[in-house]
Amino acid sequence: MKRRPERRLLRLLLLVPLLLLAGCTAGPEEGEEDAGPAPAPGERWLPRPGTGWQWQLSGRLDTSVKAPVYDIDGFTTTKEQVAGLKKAGRRTICYVSTGAWEEFRPDAGAFPKELLGKGNGWEGERWLDIRRTAELEPLMAVRFDMCRDKGFDAVEPDNMDGYRNETGFPLSAEDQLRYNRLIARLAHERGLSVGLKNDLDQISELVGDFDFAVNEQCAQYEECEELTPFIKADKAVFHAEYELPPSRFCDVSRRLKLSSLQKKYELGAWRRTC
């Protein structure tokens, strides 16, 4: 049976600048783990299961949220904002799309037209031909340089499951594995940890290459058990639901040791935790 296309977010809202709010409050919500000790020099930050997080990709950045980890947009977040979060004891994850082209990004013109496939369901976005690694690797390297230079601890690469979608290209599972491992290597070469976004069918083959997972709606689609290889490897699973209230997924999240949130589709500051 054909799997549903992975749900994605309202990317155009990312055009709204993220502005730093004054003041931060320390400590995670009750029941959440903190971000753990700082890594030794030369080592990557490795989030453990149960680590609390906040995921905000639109609107004015709210730094008062009691979460030890912030997953925020890599382009619109400034170096000063990242430094402010770091000073407050937060870890930061740099959101970038690695599998789809976005016309509203400042580097959109650097992508050759032949790399652009069908739309991925969101206005201004098109799937990338991930087989063309010779062209894509330097473009993604520049993006990851940006994440590193702004002071982020990690990367959340999005649109990592093109082979399961109608991209306009004959992508295979092997193409996806090759590309996803390339993305992981680029992050690691820059001292950044990296998360596997969705791509549930390839978890068993990629869990060794990635430092954590990011998942949308595994409870709604009864897929959360598929993420247990990350938990067994002592790696965090950052999980969000949009259409289910916490009462519908928190028992499963606690049992599986997922880091779970209820969010709205626009991914503003609002959140509910288990």
Protein backbone atom coordinates (compact mmCIF):
# COMPACT_ATOMS: atom_id res chain seq x y z
CA MET A 1 0.00 0.00 0.00
CA LYS A 2 1.31 3.40 -0.92
CA ARG A 3 2.27 5.44 2.13
CA ARG A 4 0.84 8.90 2.64
CA PRO A 5 3.08 11.81 1.63
CA GLU A 6 4.87 13.22 4.68
CA ARG A 7 3.15 16.36 5.92
CA ARG A 8 5.15 19.53 5.70
CA LEU A 9 4.79 22.97 7.13
CA LEU A 10 3.68 26.38 5.92
CA ARG A 11 7.11 27.46 4.71
CA LEU A 12 6.07 30.87 3.47
CA LEU A 13 5.63 31.93 7.07
CA LEU A 14 9.38 31.59 7.39
CA LEU A 15 9.66 34.91 5.60
CA VAL A 16 8.54 36.62 8.80
CA PRO A 17 11.74 37.74 10.54
CA LEU A 18 12.53 36.05 13.84
CA LEU A 19 13.31 38.74 16.39
CA LEU A 20 14.92 38.10 19.72
CA LEU A 21 12.74 38.76 22.74
CA ALA A 22 14.30 40.04 25.92
CA GLY A 23 14.72 37.63 28.79
CA CYS A 24 14.97 33.85 29.09
CA THR A 25 13.72 31.53 31.78
CA ALA A 26 15.82 28.56 32.74
CA GLY A 27 14.89 24.92 33.04
CA PRO A 28 12.76 22.44 31.13
CA GLU A 29 9.09 21.71 31.70
CA GLU A 30 8.24 19.16 34.37
CA GLY A 31 8.90 15.65 33.10
CA GLU A 32 11.39 16.73 30.43
CA GLU A 33 15.09 15.97 30.46
CA ASP A 34 17.54 18.83 30.10
CA ALA A 35 20.00 19.11 27.21
CA GLY A 36 22.71 17.22 29.07
CA PRO A 37 26.32 18.20 29.75
CA ALA A 38 28.30 20.23 27.25
CA PRO A 39 30.32 18.06 24.88
CA ALA A 40 34.07 17.94 25.24
CA PRO A 41 36.08 20.10 22.83
CA GLY A 42 35.99 18.58 19.37
CA GLU A 43 32.97 16.40 20.14
CA ARG A 44 29.35 16.79 19.00
CA TRP A 45 26.35 17.42 21.19
CA LEU A 46 24.33 14.20 21.43
CA PRO A 47 20.78 14.67 22.75
CA ARG A 48 19.41 11.77 24.77
CA PRO A 49 15.88 10.34 24.85
CA GLY A 50 13.41 12.52 26.72
CA THR A 51 15.28 15.79 26.11
CA GLY A 52 12.80 18.67 26.11
CA TRP A 53 12.53 20.88 23.04
CA GLN A 54 10.79 23.80 21.37
CA TRP A 55 10.14 23.94 17.62
CA GLN A 56 9.50 27.41 16.22
CA LEU A 57 9.82 28.24 12.52
CA SER A 58 7.51 31.25 12.20
CA GLY A 59 6.69 34.45 14.01
CA ARG A 60 8.66 36.41 16.54
CA LEU A 61 11.13 34.16 18.33
CA ASP A 62 10.00 33.58 21.91
CA THR A 63 13.03 32.76 24.03
CA SER A 64 11.05 32.55 27.26
CA VAL A 65 9.83 29.01 26.53
CA LYS A 66 11.07 26.61 29.19
CA ALA A 67 12.82 24.20 26.85
CA PRO A 68 16.49 23.22 26.86
CA VAL A 69 16.57 22.75 23.07
CA TYR A 70 15.33 25.18 20.39
CA ASP A 71 14.81 23.98 16.81
CA ILE A 72 14.64 27.22 14.77
CA ASP A 73 15.07 28.46 11.20
CA GLY A 74 18.68 28.60 10.03
CA PHE A 75 18.25 31.48 7.59
CA THR A 76 16.09 33.90 9.58
CA THR A 77 17.69 33.32 12.98
CA THR A 78 20.67 35.60 13.59
CA LYS A 79 24.04 34.79 15.08
CA GLU A 80 23.17 37.11 17.98
CA GLN A 81 19.95 35.21 18.68
CA VAL A 82 21.80 31.91 18.74
CA ALA A 83 24.39 33.40 21.09
CA GLY A 84 21.64 34.65 23.39
CA LEU A 85 20.09 31.20 23.59
CA LYS A 86 23.50 29.66 24.22
CA LYS A 87 24.17 32.12 27.05
CA ALA A 88 20.86 31.06 28.60
CA GLY A 89 21.98 27.42 28.51
CA ARG A 90 19.97 26.35 25.48
CA ARG A 91 21.06 24.03 22.68
CA THR A 92 20.06 25.08 19.18
CA ILE A 93 19.10 23.11 16.06
CA CYS A 94 19.36 24.78 12.64
CA TYR A 95 16.37 24.05 10.41
CA VAL A 96 17.21 23.91 6.68
CA SER A 97 15.55 22.15 3.76
CA THR A 98 17.95 19.76 2.05
CA GLY A 99 15.57 17.86 -0.21
CA ALA A 100 13.44 20.66 -1.65
CA TRP A 101 14.13 24.03 -3.29
CA GLU A 102 12.51 27.10 -1.73
CA GLU A 103 12.08 30.15 -3.93
CA PHE A 104 12.05 32.51 -0.93
CA ARG A 105 15.55 31.64 0.30
CA PRO A 106 18.44 34.01 -0.43
CA ASP A 107 20.40 31.25 -2.19
CA ALA A 108 17.50 30.11 -4.41
CA GLY A 109 19.21 31.41 -7.55
CA ALA A 110 22.24 29.19 -6.96
CA PHE A 111 20.28 26.01 -7.74
CA PRO A 112 20.44 24.96 -11.44
CA LYS A 113 16.96 24.65 -12.96
CA GLU A 114 17.57 21.04 -13.98
CA LEU A 115 17.72 20.12 -10.28
CA LEU A 116 14.15 21.29 -9.67
CA GLY A 117 11.31 18.80 -9.87
CA LYS A 118 7.62 18.85 -9.06
CA GLY A 119 6.11 20.93 -6.30
CA ASN A 120 6.07 19.26 -2.91
CA GLY A 121 2.64 20.59 -1.92
CA TRP A 122 3.72 23.95 -0.55
CA GLU A 123 3.75 27.16 -2.54
CA GLY A 124 7.19 28.16 -3.75
CA GLU A 125 8.79 24.74 -3.11
CA ARG A 126 9.92 22.02 -5.50
CA TRP A 127 11.60 18.68 -4.93
CA LEU A 128 15.31 18.39 -5.70
CA ASP A 129 16.95 15.71 -7.82
CA ILE A 130 18.98 14.20 -5.00
CA ARG A 131 20.82 11.94 -7.44
CA ARG A 132 22.79 15.02 -8.58
CA THR A 133 25.13 15.06 -5.60
CA ALA A 134 27.97 16.77 -7.49
CA GLU A 135 25.79 19.89 -7.79
CA LEU A 136 23.96 19.60 -4.47
CA GLU A 137 26.88 18.86 -2.15
CA PRO A 138 28.54 22.31 -2.43
CA LEU A 139 25.17 24.05 -2.06
CA MET A 140 24.35 22.14 1.11
CA ALA A 141 27.89 22.61 2.41
CA VAL A 142 27.41 26.38 2.26
CA ARG A 143 24.13 26.10 4.16
CA PHE A 144 25.75 23.97 6.85
CA ASP A 145 28.65 26.44 7.03
CA MET A 146 26.00 29.07 7.81
CA CYS A 147 24.61 26.92 10.64
CA ARG A 148 28.07 26.36 12.10
CA ASP A 149 29.12 29.99 11.77
CA LYS A 150 25.97 31.18 13.55
CA GLY A 151 26.84 28.93 16.48
CA PHE A 152 24.20 26.21 16.14
CA ASP A 153 24.79 22.84 17.79
CA ALA A 154 22.90 20.72 15.28
CA VAL A 155 21.01 20.60 11.99
CA GLU A 156 17.46 19.50 11.17
CA PRO A 157 17.53 18.73 7.42
CA ASP A 158 13.99 18.63 6.00
CA ASN A 159 12.43 16.84 3.02
CA MET A 160 14.60 13.76 3.45
CA ASP A 161 12.13 11.27 1.94
CA GLY A 162 11.70 12.36 -1.67
CA TYR A 163 11.89 8.80 -2.95
CA ARG A 164 8.50 8.12 -1.28
CA ASN A 165 6.89 11.05 -3.12
CA GLU A 166 6.12 12.14 -6.68
CA THR A 167 9.15 14.33 -7.25
CA GLY A 168 9.35 14.25 -11.05
CA PHE A 169 12.51 12.13 -10.79
CA PRO A 170 12.84 8.31 -10.64
CA LEU A 171 14.37 8.32 -7.17
CA SER A 172 15.13 4.98 -5.55
CA ALA A 173 15.59 3.97 -1.93
CA GLU A 174 19.32 3.66 -2.63
CA ASP A 175 19.39 7.22 -3.99
CA GLN A 176 17.81 8.42 -0.77
CA LEU A 177 20.18 6.48 1.47
CA ARG A 178 23.18 7.82 -0.43
CA TYR A 179 21.96 11.40 -0.20
CA ASN A 180 20.92 11.22 3.44
CA ARG A 181 24.32 9.86 4.40
CA LEU A 182 25.93 12.69 2.46
CA ILE A 183 23.89 15.18 4.48
CA ALA A 184 24.94 13.50 7.74
CA ARG A 185 28.60 13.60 6.71
CA LEU A 186 28.45 17.29 5.81
CA ALA A 187 27.03 18.09 9.24
CA HIS A 188 29.54 15.96 11.10
CA GLU A 189 32.49 17.46 9.22
CA ARG A 190 31.43 20.82 10.67
CA GLY A 191 31.09 19.54 14.23
CA LEU A 192 27.28 19.61 14.06
CA SER A 193 24.98 16.83 15.16
CA VAL A 194 22.25 15.97 12.67
CA GLY A 195 18.72 14.58 12.85
CA LEU A 196 16.90 12.21 10.53
CA LYS A 197 13.63 13.91 9.55
CA ASN A 198 10.73 11.47 9.11
CA ASP A 199 11.91 8.82 6.51
CA LEU A 200 10.64 6.06 8.78
CA ASP A 201 11.20 3.25 6.29
CA GLN A 202 14.97 3.75 6.33
CA ILE A 203 15.54 4.19 10.06
CA SER A 204 17.17 0.80 10.54
CA GLU A 205 19.71 1.63 7.84
CA LEU A 206 20.37 5.23 8.91
CA VAL A 207 20.22 5.21 12.71
CA GLY A 208 24.00 4.78 12.85
CA ASP A 209 24.56 7.84 10.64
CA PHE A 210 22.31 10.28 12.53
CA ASP A 211 22.46 11.62 16.08
CA PHE A 212 18.73 12.06 16.72
CA ALA A 213 15.40 11.91 14.88
CA VAL A 214 12.69 14.49 14.17
CA ASN A 215 9.22 13.18 13.47
CA GLU A 216 5.81 14.59 12.63
CA GLN A 217 2.56 12.81 13.49
CA CYS A 218 3.80 9.31 14.26
CA ALA A 219 1.03 8.94 16.87
CA GLN A 220 -1.74 10.00 14.49
CA TYR A 221 -0.56 7.46 11.93
CA GLU A 222 0.36 4.78 14.50
CA GLU A 223 4.03 4.77 13.50
CA CYS A 224 5.84 5.73 16.71
CA GLU A 225 7.12 2.21 17.37
CA GLU A 226 9.17 2.53 14.18
CA LEU A 227 11.32 5.16 15.89
CA THR A 228 12.50 2.87 18.70
CA PRO A 229 15.89 2.11 17.06
CA PHE A 230 16.92 5.68 17.93
CA ILE A 231 15.79 5.30 21.53
CA LYS A 232 17.60 1.98 21.86
CA ALA A 233 20.74 3.71 20.58
CA ASP A 234 20.30 6.35 23.35
CA LYS A 235 19.41 9.03 20.78
CA ALA A 236 16.58 11.53 21.20
CA VAL A 237 13.42 11.46 19.09
CA PHE A 238 11.95 14.97 18.81
CA HIS A 239 8.29 14.40 17.96
CA ALA A 240 5.36 16.73 17.17
CA GLU A 241 1.64 16.18 16.68
CA TYR A 242 -0.71 18.73 15.14
CA GLU A 243 -4.18 17.19 15.16
CA LEU A 244 -4.06 15.09 18.35
CA PRO A 245 -4.19 16.58 21.87
CA PRO A 246 -1.58 15.41 24.41
CA SER A 247 -4.14 13.10 26.03
CA ARG A 248 -4.10 11.06 22.81
CA PHE A 249 -0.34 10.55 22.50
CA CYS A 250 1.48 11.27 25.76
CA ASP A 251 1.05 7.78 27.24
CA VAL A 252 2.72 6.30 24.16
CA SER A 253 5.37 9.02 24.21
CA ARG A 254 6.28 8.33 27.83
CA ARG A 255 6.44 4.59 27.23
CA LEU A 256 8.70 5.01 24.20
CA LYS A 257 10.72 7.90 25.75
CA LEU A 258 9.92 10.31 22.91
CA SER A 259 10.33 14.08 23.30
CA SER A 260 6.80 15.01 22.30
CA LEU A 261 4.95 18.26 21.66
CA GLN A 262 1.59 19.34 20.37
CA LYS A 263 2.11 22.15 17.85
CA LYS A 264 0.04 24.11 15.36
CA TYR A 265 0.83 23.70 11.67
CA GLU A 266 2.35 27.18 11.35
CA LEU A 267 4.97 26.21 13.98
CA GLY A 268 4.84 29.44 15.93
CA ALA A 269 5.84 29.67 19.58
CA TRP A 270 2.73 27.91 20.95
CA ARG A 271 3.33 24.41 22.31
CA ARG A 272 1.93 21.85 24.70
CA THR A 273 4.10 19.20 26.30
CA CYS A 274 3.34 15.84 27.83
